[in-house]
């Protein structure tokens, strides 16, 4: 049936023993019970402009470090470049402000 959501889809693997599948389902349930603190936050102006590019660069770097194409030192330089980027700093500030406003009591 199309259009249905199965939260256990990633817990299933062809030929998986039922006890392992049940353990995976418990893991999915425990993870999905953790609330996402960013839920309901607006995207910052810099993220609207550069977010797709930032995400692509981040994912590319993660993969390259994992497969050994880049070193941990390269990762550290990458993180520093984000921290030094004025647009990223503005994104962090705006997101923090949105979070604080959302959680005011």
PDB file of N, CA and C in Angstrom:
ATOM      1  N   UNK A   1       0.849  -1.167   0.000  1.00  0.00           N
ATOM      2  CA  UNK A   1       0.000   0.000   0.000  1.00  0.00           C
ATOM      3  C   UNK A   1       0.900   1.237   0.000  1.00  0.00           C
ATOM      4  N   UNK A   2       0.665   2.143  -0.889  1.00  0.00           N
ATOM      5  CA  UNK A   2       1.460   3.364  -0.939  1.00  0.00           C
ATOM      6  C   UNK A   2       0.896   4.392   0.023  1.00  0.00           C
ATOM      7  N   UNK A   3       1.771   5.284   0.459  1.00  0.00           N
ATOM      8  CA  UNK A   3       1.328   6.371   1.302  1.00  0.00           C
ATOM      9  C   UNK A   3       1.270   6.045   2.785  1.00  0.00           C
ATOM     10  N   UNK A   4       1.717   4.859   3.185  1.00  0.00           N
ATOM     11  CA  UNK A   4       1.721   4.542   4.613  1.00  0.00           C
ATOM     12  C   UNK A   4       3.124   4.707   5.163  1.00  0.00           C
ATOM     13  N   UNK A   5       3.199   4.995   6.453  1.00  0.00           N
ATOM     14  CA  UNK A   5       4.471   5.192   7.115  1.00  0.00           C
ATOM     15  C   UNK A   5       4.719   4.017   8.051  1.00  0.00           C
ATOM     16  N   UNK A   6       5.888   3.434   7.948  1.00  0.00           N
ATOM     17  CA  UNK A   6       6.274   2.329   8.827  1.00  0.00           C
ATOM     18  C   UNK A   6       7.525   2.755   9.576  1.00  0.00           C
ATOM     19  N   UNK A   7       7.359   3.110  10.850  1.00  0.00           N
ATOM     20  CA  UNK A   7       8.514   3.589  11.607  1.00  0.00           C
ATOM     21  C   UNK A   7       9.542   2.495  11.848  1.00  0.00           C
ATOM     22  N   UNK A   8       9.168   1.231  11.633  1.00  0.00           N
ATOM     23  CA  UNK A   8      10.097   0.123  11.825  1.00  0.00           C
ATOM     24  C   UNK A   8      10.778  -0.321  10.530  1.00  0.00           C
ATOM     25  N   UNK A   9      10.570   0.416   9.461  1.00  0.00           N
ATOM     26  CA  UNK A   9      11.124   0.026   8.173  1.00  0.00           C
ATOM     27  C   UNK A   9      12.638  -0.169   8.227  1.00  0.00           C
ATOM     28  N   UNK A  10      13.337   0.717   8.918  1.00  0.00           N
ATOM     29  CA  UNK A  10      14.798   0.610   8.986  1.00  0.00           C
ATOM     30  C   UNK A  10      15.244  -0.466   9.965  1.00  0.00           C
ATOM     31  N   UNK A  11      14.312  -0.997  10.775  1.00  0.00           N
ATOM     32  CA  UNK A  11      14.635  -2.062  11.715  1.00  0.00           C
ATOM     33  C   UNK A  11      14.542  -3.433  11.052  1.00  0.00           C
ATOM     34  N   UNK A  12      13.966  -3.470   9.860  1.00  0.00           N
ATOM     35  CA  UNK A  12      13.767  -4.736   9.147  1.00  0.00           C
ATOM     36  C   UNK A  12      14.898  -4.967   8.146  1.00  0.00           C
ATOM     37  N   UNK A  13      15.351  -6.195   8.110  1.00  0.00           N
ATOM     38  CA  UNK A  13      16.318  -6.626   7.107  1.00  0.00           C
ATOM     39  C   UNK A  13      15.868  -8.003   6.649  1.00  0.00           C
ATOM     40  N   UNK A  14      15.975  -8.279   5.387  1.00  0.00           N
ATOM     41  CA  UNK A  14      15.565  -9.569   4.868  1.00  0.00           C
ATOM     42  C   UNK A  14      16.288 -10.694   5.602  1.00  0.00           C
ATOM     43  N   UNK A  15      15.528 -11.644   6.112  1.00  0.00           N
ATOM     44  CA  UNK A  15      16.100 -12.796   6.789  1.00  0.00           C
ATOM     45  C   UNK A  15      16.464 -12.560   8.245  1.00  0.00           C
ATOM     46  N   UNK A  16      16.117 -11.425   8.798  1.00  0.00           N
ATOM     47  CA  UNK A  16      16.473 -11.104  10.180  1.00  0.00           C
ATOM     48  C   UNK A  16      15.683 -12.006  11.146  1.00  0.00           C
ATOM     49  N   UNK A  17      16.336 -12.553  12.163  1.00  0.00           N
ATOM     50  CA  UNK A  17      15.602 -13.354  13.159  1.00  0.00           C
ATOM     51  C   UNK A  17      14.585 -12.494  13.895  1.00  0.00           C
ATOM     52  N   UNK A  18      13.485 -13.085  14.291  1.00  0.00           N
ATOM     53  CA  UNK A  18      12.402 -12.325  14.923  1.00  0.00           C
ATOM     54  C   UNK A  18      12.845 -11.668  16.227  1.00  0.00           C
ATOM     55  N   UNK A  19      13.739 -12.327  17.000  1.00  0.00           N
ATOM     56  CA  UNK A  19      14.171 -11.717  18.258  1.00  0.00           C
ATOM     57  C   UNK A  19      15.017 -10.469  18.006  1.00  0.00           C
ATOM     58  N   UNK A  20      15.805 -10.480  16.941  1.00  0.00           N
ATOM     59  CA  UNK A  20      16.610  -9.306  16.591  1.00  0.00           C
ATOM     60  C   UNK A  20      15.692  -8.185  16.104  1.00  0.00           C
ATOM     61  N   UNK A  21      14.695  -8.544  15.307  1.00  0.00           N
ATOM     62  CA  UNK A  21      13.739  -7.542  14.835  1.00  0.00           C
ATOM     63  C   UNK A  21      13.005  -6.908  16.016  1.00  0.00           C
ATOM     64  N   UNK A  22      12.584  -7.709  16.990  1.00  0.00           N
ATOM     65  CA  UNK A  22      11.893  -7.167  18.164  1.00  0.00           C
ATOM     66  C   UNK A  22      12.817  -6.239  18.955  1.00  0.00           C
ATOM     67  N   UNK A  23      14.093  -6.603  19.082  1.00  0.00           N
ATOM     68  CA  UNK A  23      15.062  -5.735  19.765  1.00  0.00           C
ATOM     69  C   UNK A  23      15.236  -4.426  18.998  1.00  0.00           C
ATOM     70  N   UNK A  24      15.287  -4.512  17.668  1.00  0.00           N
ATOM     71  CA  UNK A  24      15.407  -3.311  16.837  1.00  0.00           C
ATOM     72  C   UNK A  24      14.182  -2.410  17.000  1.00  0.00           C
ATOM     73  N   UNK A  25      12.998  -3.014  17.088  1.00  0.00           N
ATOM     74  CA  UNK A  25      11.779  -2.223  17.284  1.00  0.00           C
ATOM     75  C   UNK A  25      11.823  -1.476  18.615  1.00  0.00           C
ATOM     76  N   UNK A  26      12.320  -2.135  19.660  1.00  0.00           N
ATOM     77  CA  UNK A  26      12.445  -1.471  20.962  1.00  0.00           C
ATOM     78  C   UNK A  26      13.414  -0.299  20.869  1.00  0.00           C
ATOM     79  N   UNK A  27      14.488  -0.490  20.125  1.00  0.00           N
ATOM     80  CA  UNK A  27      15.463   0.589  19.939  1.00  0.00           C
ATOM     81  C   UNK A  27      14.819   1.766  19.212  1.00  0.00           C
ATOM     82  N   UNK A  28      14.082   1.490  18.152  1.00  0.00           N
ATOM     83  CA  UNK A  28      13.388   2.544  17.405  1.00  0.00           C
ATOM     84  C   UNK A  28      12.426   3.282  18.331  1.00  0.00           C
ATOM     85  N   UNK A  29      11.681   2.545  19.144  1.00  0.00           N
ATOM     86  CA  UNK A  29      10.736   3.174  20.069  1.00  0.00           C
ATOM     87  C   UNK A  29      11.450   4.054  21.087  1.00  0.00           C
ATOM     88  N   UNK A  30      12.603   3.588  21.588  1.00  0.00           N
ATOM     89  CA  UNK A  30      13.315   4.392  22.587  1.00  0.00           C
ATOM     90  C   UNK A  30      13.894   5.658  21.975  1.00  0.00           C
ATOM     91  N   UNK A  31      14.367   5.566  20.746  1.00  0.00           N
ATOM     92  CA  UNK A  31      14.926   6.737  20.069  1.00  0.00           C
ATOM     93  C   UNK A  31      13.815   7.719  19.692  1.00  0.00           C
ATOM     94  N   UNK A  32      12.712   7.201  19.199  1.00  0.00           N
ATOM     95  CA  UNK A  32      11.636   8.092  18.741  1.00  0.00           C
ATOM     96  C   UNK A  32      10.901   8.745  19.909  1.00  0.00           C
ATOM     97  N   UNK A  33      11.143   8.280  21.131  1.00  0.00           N
ATOM     98  CA  UNK A  33      10.499   8.915  22.283  1.00  0.00           C
ATOM     99  C   UNK A  33      11.278  10.134  22.769  1.00  0.00           C
ATOM    100  N   UNK A  34      12.472  10.364  22.202  1.00  0.00           N
ATOM    101  CA  UNK A  34      13.272  11.531  22.563  1.00  0.00           C
ATOM    102  C   UNK A  34      12.778  12.709  21.734  1.00  0.00           C
ATOM    103  N   UNK A  35      12.294  13.769  22.376  1.00  0.00           N
ATOM    104  CA  UNK A  35      11.766  14.896  21.591  1.00  0.00           C
ATOM    105  C   UNK A  35      12.873  15.643  20.842  1.00  0.00           C
ATOM    106  N   UNK A  36      12.523  16.128  19.669  1.00  0.00           N
ATOM    107  CA  UNK A  36      13.450  16.913  18.858  1.00  0.00           C
ATOM    108  C   UNK A  36      13.334  18.379  19.282  1.00  0.00           C
ATOM    109  N   UNK A  37      14.394  18.937  19.890  1.00  0.00           N
ATOM    110  CA  UNK A  37      14.304  20.319  20.387  1.00  0.00           C
ATOM    111  C   UNK A  37      14.167  21.350  19.273  1.00  0.00           C
ATOM    112  N   UNK A  38      14.454  20.965  18.026  1.00  0.00           N
ATOM    113  CA  UNK A  38      14.343  21.924  16.931  1.00  0.00           C
ATOM    114  C   UNK A  38      12.953  21.908  16.289  1.00  0.00           C
ATOM    115  N   UNK A  39      12.100  20.977  16.707  1.00  0.00           N
ATOM    116  CA  UNK A  39      10.759  20.896  16.128  1.00  0.00           C
ATOM    117  C   UNK A  39      10.010  22.200  16.353  1.00  0.00           C
ATOM    118  N   UNK A  40       9.501  22.779  15.296  1.00  0.00           N
ATOM    119  CA  UNK A  40       8.729  24.005  15.392  1.00  0.00           C
ATOM    120  C   UNK A  40       9.553  25.278  15.291  1.00  0.00           C
ATOM    121  N   UNK A  41      10.877  25.155  15.207  1.00  0.00           N
ATOM    122  CA  UNK A  41      11.705  26.352  15.072  1.00  0.00           C
ATOM    123  C   UNK A  41      11.716  26.810  13.618  1.00  0.00           C
ATOM    124  N   UNK A  42      11.743  28.112  13.431  1.00  0.00           N
ATOM    125  CA  UNK A  42      11.878  28.662  12.086  1.00  0.00           C
ATOM    126  C   UNK A  42      13.318  28.476  11.625  1.00  0.00           C
ATOM    127  N   UNK A  43      13.512  28.388  10.329  1.00  0.00           N
ATOM    128  CA  UNK A  43      14.877  28.389   9.792  1.00  0.00           C
ATOM    129  C   UNK A  43      15.413  29.811   9.822  1.00  0.00           C
ATOM    130  N   UNK A  44      16.680  29.928  10.164  1.00  0.00           N
ATOM    131  CA  UNK A  44      17.315  31.243  10.175  1.00  0.00           C
ATOM    132  C   UNK A  44      17.451  31.750   8.738  1.00  0.00           C
ATOM    133  N   UNK A  45      17.613  33.053   8.617  1.00  0.00           N
ATOM    134  CA  UNK A  45      17.809  33.646   7.290  1.00  0.00           C
ATOM    135  C   UNK A  45      19.048  33.074   6.603  1.00  0.00           C
ATOM    136  N   UNK A  46      20.201  32.984   7.303  1.00  0.00           N
ATOM    137  CA  UNK A  46      21.370  32.396   6.631  1.00  0.00           C
ATOM    138  C   UNK A  46      21.140  30.944   6.215  1.00  0.00           C
ATOM    139  N   UNK A  47      20.391  30.183   7.029  1.00  0.00           N
ATOM    140  CA  UNK A  47      20.143  28.786   6.670  1.00  0.00           C
ATOM    141  C   UNK A  47      19.262  28.691   5.429  1.00  0.00           C
ATOM    142  N   UNK A  48      18.303  29.592   5.321  1.00  0.00           N
ATOM    143  CA  UNK A  48      17.449  29.600   4.129  1.00  0.00           C
ATOM    144  C   UNK A  48      18.281  29.835   2.874  1.00  0.00           C
ATOM    145  N   UNK A  49      19.316  30.655   3.011  1.00  0.00           N
ATOM    146  CA  UNK A  49      20.163  30.990   1.860  1.00  0.00           C
ATOM    147  C   UNK A  49      21.242  29.943   1.603  1.00  0.00           C
ATOM    148  N   UNK A  50      21.838  29.397   2.660  1.00  0.00           N
ATOM    149  CA  UNK A  50      23.021  28.554   2.499  1.00  0.00           C
ATOM    150  C   UNK A  50      22.889  27.156   3.084  1.00  0.00           C
ATOM    151  N   UNK A  51      21.746  26.848   3.686  1.00  0.00           N
ATOM    152  CA  UNK A  51      21.583  25.578   4.388  1.00  0.00           C
ATOM    153  C   UNK A  51      21.829  24.347   3.538  1.00  0.00           C
ATOM    154  N   UNK A  52      21.319  24.355   2.315  1.00  0.00           N
ATOM    155  CA  UNK A  52      21.510  23.188   1.443  1.00  0.00           C
ATOM    156  C   UNK A  52      22.993  22.972   1.158  1.00  0.00           C
ATOM    157  N   UNK A  53      23.713  24.057   0.920  1.00  0.00           N
ATOM    158  CA  UNK A  53      25.146  23.969   0.662  1.00  0.00           C
ATOM    159  C   UNK A  53      25.897  23.496   1.906  1.00  0.00           C
ATOM    160  N   UNK A  54      25.540  24.045   3.074  1.00  0.00           N
ATOM    161  CA  UNK A  54      26.182  23.624   4.323  1.00  0.00           C
ATOM    162  C   UNK A  54      25.947  22.136   4.572  1.00  0.00           C
ATOM    163  N   UNK A  55      24.710  21.687   4.375  1.00  0.00           N
ATOM    164  CA  UNK A  55      24.398  20.275   4.601  1.00  0.00           C
ATOM    165  C   UNK A  55      25.156  19.365   3.646  1.00  0.00           C
ATOM    166  N   UNK A  56      25.256  19.765   2.383  1.00  0.00           N
ATOM    167  CA  UNK A  56      25.989  18.947   1.412  1.00  0.00           C
ATOM    168  C   UNK A  56      27.461  18.853   1.796  1.00  0.00           C
ATOM    169  N   UNK A  57      28.051  19.991   2.134  1.00  0.00           N
ATOM    170  CA  UNK A  57      29.466  19.979   2.533  1.00  0.00           C
ATOM    171  C   UNK A  57      29.685  19.125   3.780  1.00  0.00           C
ATOM    172  N   UNK A  58      28.758  19.234   4.743  1.00  0.00           N
ATOM    173  CA  UNK A  58      28.869  18.451   5.964  1.00  0.00           C
ATOM    174  C   UNK A  58      28.787  16.958   5.658  1.00  0.00           C
ATOM    175  N   UNK A  59      27.792  16.563   4.883  1.00  0.00           N
ATOM    176  CA  UNK A  59      27.639  15.149   4.544  1.00  0.00           C
ATOM    177  C   UNK A  59      28.823  14.630   3.743  1.00  0.00           C
ATOM    178  N   UNK A  60      29.311  15.417   2.790  1.00  0.00           N
ATOM    179  CA  UNK A  60      30.484  15.009   2.015  1.00  0.00           C
ATOM    180  C   UNK A  60      31.694  14.810   2.918  1.00  0.00           C
ATOM    181  N   UNK A  61      31.917  15.738   3.843  1.00  0.00           N
ATOM    182  CA  UNK A  61      33.061  15.621   4.743  1.00  0.00           C
ATOM    183  C   UNK A  61      32.912  14.397   5.642  1.00  0.00           C
ATOM    184  N   UNK A  62      31.714  14.184   6.189  1.00  0.00           N
ATOM    185  CA  UNK A  62      31.489  13.009   7.041  1.00  0.00           C
ATOM    186  C   UNK A  62      31.823  11.720   6.302  1.00  0.00           C
ATOM    187  N   UNK A  63      31.307  11.588   5.105  1.00  0.00           N
ATOM    188  CA  UNK A  63      31.561  10.383   4.310  1.00  0.00           C
ATOM    189  C   UNK A  63      33.051  10.244   4.024  1.00  0.00           C
ATOM    190  N   UNK A  64      33.691  11.337   3.642  1.00  0.00           N
ATOM    191  CA  UNK A  64      35.117  11.270   3.305  1.00  0.00           C
ATOM    192  C   UNK A  64      35.985  10.924   4.513  1.00  0.00           C
ATOM    193  N   UNK A  65      35.605  11.370   5.689  1.00  0.00           N
ATOM    194  CA  UNK A  65      36.352  10.987   6.898  1.00  0.00           C
ATOM    195  C   UNK A  65      36.124   9.505   7.190  1.00  0.00           C
ATOM    196  N   UNK A  66      34.886   9.067   7.071  1.00  0.00           N
ATOM    197  CA  UNK A  66      34.568   7.666   7.359  1.00  0.00           C
ATOM    198  C   UNK A  66      35.306   6.722   6.421  1.00  0.00           C
ATOM    199  N   UNK A  67      35.380   7.068   5.139  1.00  0.00           N
ATOM    200  CA  UNK A  67      36.037   6.170   4.187  1.00  0.00           C
ATOM    201  C   UNK A  67      37.545   6.389   4.118  1.00  0.00           C
ATOM    202  N   UNK A  68      38.046   7.341   4.891  1.00  0.00           N
ATOM    203  CA  UNK A  68      39.491   7.559   4.965  1.00  0.00           C
ATOM    204  C   UNK A  68      40.055   8.498   3.916  1.00  0.00           C
ATOM    205  N   UNK A  69      39.200   9.115   3.135  1.00  0.00           N
ATOM    206  CA  UNK A  69      39.674  10.059   2.118  1.00  0.00           C
ATOM    207  C   UNK A  69      40.159  11.352   2.763  1.00  0.00           C
ATOM    208  N   UNK A  70      39.527  11.728   3.900  1.00  0.00           N
ATOM    209  CA  UNK A  70      39.949  12.897   4.672  1.00  0.00           C
ATOM    210  C   UNK A  70      40.326  12.453   6.077  1.00  0.00           C
ATOM    211  N   UNK A  71      41.193  13.216   6.712  1.00  0.00           N
ATOM    212  CA  UNK A  71      41.669  12.888   8.055  1.00  0.00           C
ATOM    213  C   UNK A  71      40.848  13.617   9.121  1.00  0.00           C
ATOM    214  N   UNK A  72      41.093  13.251  10.366  1.00  0.00           N
ATOM    215  CA  UNK A  72      40.459  13.949  11.481  1.00  0.00           C
ATOM    216  C   UNK A  72      40.918  15.413  11.503  1.00  0.00           C
ATOM    217  N   UNK A  73      42.160  15.649  11.099  1.00  0.00           N
ATOM    218  CA  UNK A  73      42.646  17.032  11.021  1.00  0.00           C
ATOM    219  C   UNK A  73      41.854  17.825   9.990  1.00  0.00           C
ATOM    220  N   UNK A  74      41.518  17.170   8.877  1.00  0.00           N
ATOM    221  CA  UNK A  74      40.672  17.823   7.871  1.00  0.00           C
ATOM    222  C   UNK A  74      39.305  18.150   8.465  1.00  0.00           C
ATOM    223  N   UNK A  75      38.775  17.215   9.270  1.00  0.00           N
ATOM    224  CA  UNK A  75      37.490  17.445   9.939  1.00  0.00           C
ATOM    225  C   UNK A  75      37.583  18.660  10.857  1.00  0.00           C
ATOM    226  N   UNK A  76      38.658  18.727  11.643  1.00  0.00           N
ATOM    227  CA  UNK A  76      38.843  19.854  12.559  1.00  0.00           C
ATOM    228  C   UNK A  76      38.915  21.184  11.806  1.00  0.00           C
ATOM    229  N   UNK A  77      39.621  21.198  10.669  1.00  0.00           N
ATOM    230  CA  UNK A  77      39.692  22.416   9.849  1.00  0.00           C
ATOM    231  C   UNK A  77      38.308  22.783   9.309  1.00  0.00           C
ATOM    232  N   UNK A  78      37.561  21.761   8.916  1.00  0.00           N
ATOM    233  CA  UNK A  78      36.209  21.965   8.395  1.00  0.00           C
ATOM    234  C   UNK A  78      35.316  22.607   9.460  1.00  0.00           C
ATOM    235  N   UNK A  79      35.348  22.061  10.665  1.00  0.00           N
ATOM    236  CA  UNK A  79      34.544  22.611  11.767  1.00  0.00           C
ATOM    237  C   UNK A  79      34.960  24.044  12.052  1.00  0.00           C
ATOM    238  N   UNK A  80      36.259  24.297  12.076  1.00  0.00           N
ATOM    239  CA  UNK A  80      36.759  25.662  12.321  1.00  0.00           C
ATOM    240  C   UNK A  80      36.254  26.617  11.241  1.00  0.00           C
ATOM    241  N   UNK A  81      36.231  26.147   9.994  1.00  0.00           N
ATOM    242  CA  UNK A  81      35.757  27.020   8.908  1.00  0.00           C
ATOM    243  C   UNK A  81      34.287  27.400   9.118  1.00  0.00           C
ATOM    244  N   UNK A  82      33.487  26.478   9.632  1.00  0.00           N
ATOM    245  CA  UNK A  82      32.090  26.800   9.927  1.00  0.00           C
ATOM    246  C   UNK A  82      32.014  27.792  11.081  1.00  0.00           C
ATOM    247  N   UNK A  83      32.789  27.534  12.136  1.00  0.00           N
ATOM    248  CA  UNK A  83      32.760  28.420  13.304  1.00  0.00           C
ATOM    249  C   UNK A  83      33.232  29.824  12.959  1.00  0.00           C
ATOM    250  N   UNK A  84      34.136  29.948  11.988  1.00  0.00           N
ATOM    251  CA  UNK A  84      34.667  31.251  11.589  1.00  0.00           C
ATOM    252  C   UNK A  84      33.802  31.962  10.553  1.00  0.00           C
ATOM    253  N   UNK A  85      32.845  31.263   9.969  1.00  0.00           N
ATOM    254  CA  UNK A  85      31.991  31.825   8.919  1.00  0.00           C
ATOM    255  C   UNK A  85      30.943  32.755   9.546  1.00  0.00           C
ATOM    256  N   UNK A  86      30.974  34.070   9.210  1.00  0.00           N
ATOM    257  CA  UNK A  86      30.002  35.004   9.794  1.00  0.00           C
ATOM    258  C   UNK A  86      28.548  34.600   9.532  1.00  0.00           C
ATOM    259  N   UNK A  87      28.274  34.030   8.377  1.00  0.00           N
ATOM    260  CA  UNK A  87      26.897  33.596   8.081  1.00  0.00           C
ATOM    261  C   UNK A  87      26.485  32.451   9.002  1.00  0.00           C
ATOM    262  N   UNK A  88      27.394  31.526   9.249  1.00  0.00           N
ATOM    263  CA  UNK A  88      27.075  30.414  10.135  1.00  0.00           C
ATOM    264  C   UNK A  88      26.916  30.901  11.570  1.00  0.00           C
ATOM    265  N   UNK A  89      27.749  31.849  11.978  1.00  0.00           N
ATOM    266  CA  UNK A  89      27.610  32.437  13.313  1.00  0.00           C
ATOM    267  C   UNK A  89      26.239  33.092  13.475  1.00  0.00           C
ATOM    268  N   UNK A  90      25.789  33.788  12.438  1.00  0.00           N
ATOM    269  CA  UNK A  90      24.465  34.418  12.470  1.00  0.00           C
ATOM    270  C   UNK A  90      23.371  33.352  12.540  1.00  0.00           C
ATOM    271  N   UNK A  91      23.556  32.266  11.806  1.00  0.00           N
ATOM    272  CA  UNK A  91      22.597  31.155  11.848  1.00  0.00           C
ATOM    273  C   UNK A  91      22.488  30.601  13.276  1.00  0.00           C
ATOM    274  N   UNK A  92      23.618  30.379  13.925  1.00  0.00           N
ATOM    275  CA  UNK A  92      23.627  29.848  15.290  1.00  0.00           C
ATOM    276  C   UNK A  92      22.924  30.827  16.238  1.00  0.00           C
ATOM    277  N   UNK A  93      23.212  32.112  16.089  1.00  0.00           N
ATOM    278  CA  UNK A  93      22.588  33.121  16.950  1.00  0.00           C
ATOM    279  C   UNK A  93      21.070  33.148  16.756  1.00  0.00           C
ATOM    280  N   UNK A  94      20.629  33.190  15.505  1.00  0.00           N
ATOM    281  CA  UNK A  94      19.190  33.246  15.237  1.00  0.00           C
ATOM    282  C   UNK A  94      18.491  31.983  15.731  1.00  0.00           C
ATOM    283  N   UNK A  95      19.108  30.830  15.491  1.00  0.00           N
ATOM    284  CA  UNK A  95      18.498  29.574  15.930  1.00  0.00           C
ATOM    285  C   UNK A  95      18.414  29.524  17.453  1.00  0.00           C
ATOM    286  N   UNK A  96      19.455  29.982  18.123  1.00  0.00           N
ATOM    287  CA  UNK A  96      19.439  30.037  19.594  1.00  0.00           C
ATOM    288  C   UNK A  96      18.340  30.970  20.085  1.00  0.00           C
ATOM    289  N   UNK A  97      18.204  32.112  19.429  1.00  0.00           N
ATOM    290  CA  UNK A  97      17.147  33.063  19.800  1.00  0.00           C
ATOM    291  C   UNK A  97      15.757  32.456  19.585  1.00  0.00           C
ATOM    292  N   UNK A  98      15.563  31.748  18.454  1.00  0.00           N
ATOM    293  CA  UNK A  98      14.280  31.086  18.183  1.00  0.00           C
ATOM    294  C   UNK A  98      13.991  30.049  19.271  1.00  0.00           C
ATOM    295  N   UNK A  99      15.021  29.292  19.658  1.00  0.00           N
ATOM    296  CA  UNK A  99      14.862  28.255  20.671  1.00  0.00           C
ATOM    297  C   UNK A  99      14.480  28.866  22.016  1.00  0.00           C
ATOM    298  N   UNK A 100      15.175  29.944  22.399  1.00  0.00           N
ATOM    299  CA  UNK A 100      14.879  30.603  23.673  1.00  0.00           C
ATOM    300  C   UNK A 100      13.444  31.141  23.669  1.00  0.00           C
ATOM    301  N   UNK A 101      13.034  31.747  22.570  1.00  0.00           N
ATOM    302  CA  UNK A 101      11.680  32.296  22.471  1.00  0.00           C
ATOM    303  C   UNK A 101      10.634  31.169  22.550  1.00  0.00           C
ATOM    304  N   UNK A 102      10.910  30.070  21.892  1.00  0.00           N
ATOM    305  CA  UNK A 102       9.986  28.944  21.879  1.00  0.00           C
ATOM    306  C   UNK A 102       9.809  28.363  23.286  1.00  0.00           C
ATOM    307  N   UNK A 103      10.863  28.371  24.078  1.00  0.00           N
ATOM    308  CA  UNK A 103      10.836  27.714  25.375  1.00  0.00           C
ATOM    309  C   UNK A 103      10.602  28.657  26.550  1.00  0.00           C
ATOM    310  N   UNK A 104      10.194  29.884  26.255  1.00  0.00           N
ATOM    311  CA  UNK A 104       9.834  30.815  27.329  1.00  0.00           C
ATOM    312  C   UNK A 104       8.598  30.283  28.039  1.00  0.00           C
ATOM    313  N   UNK A 105       8.594  30.418  29.312  1.00  0.00           N
ATOM    314  CA  UNK A 105       7.420  29.968  30.094  1.00  0.00           C
ATOM    315  C   UNK A 105       6.713  31.151  30.670  1.00  0.00           C
TER     316      UNK A 105
END
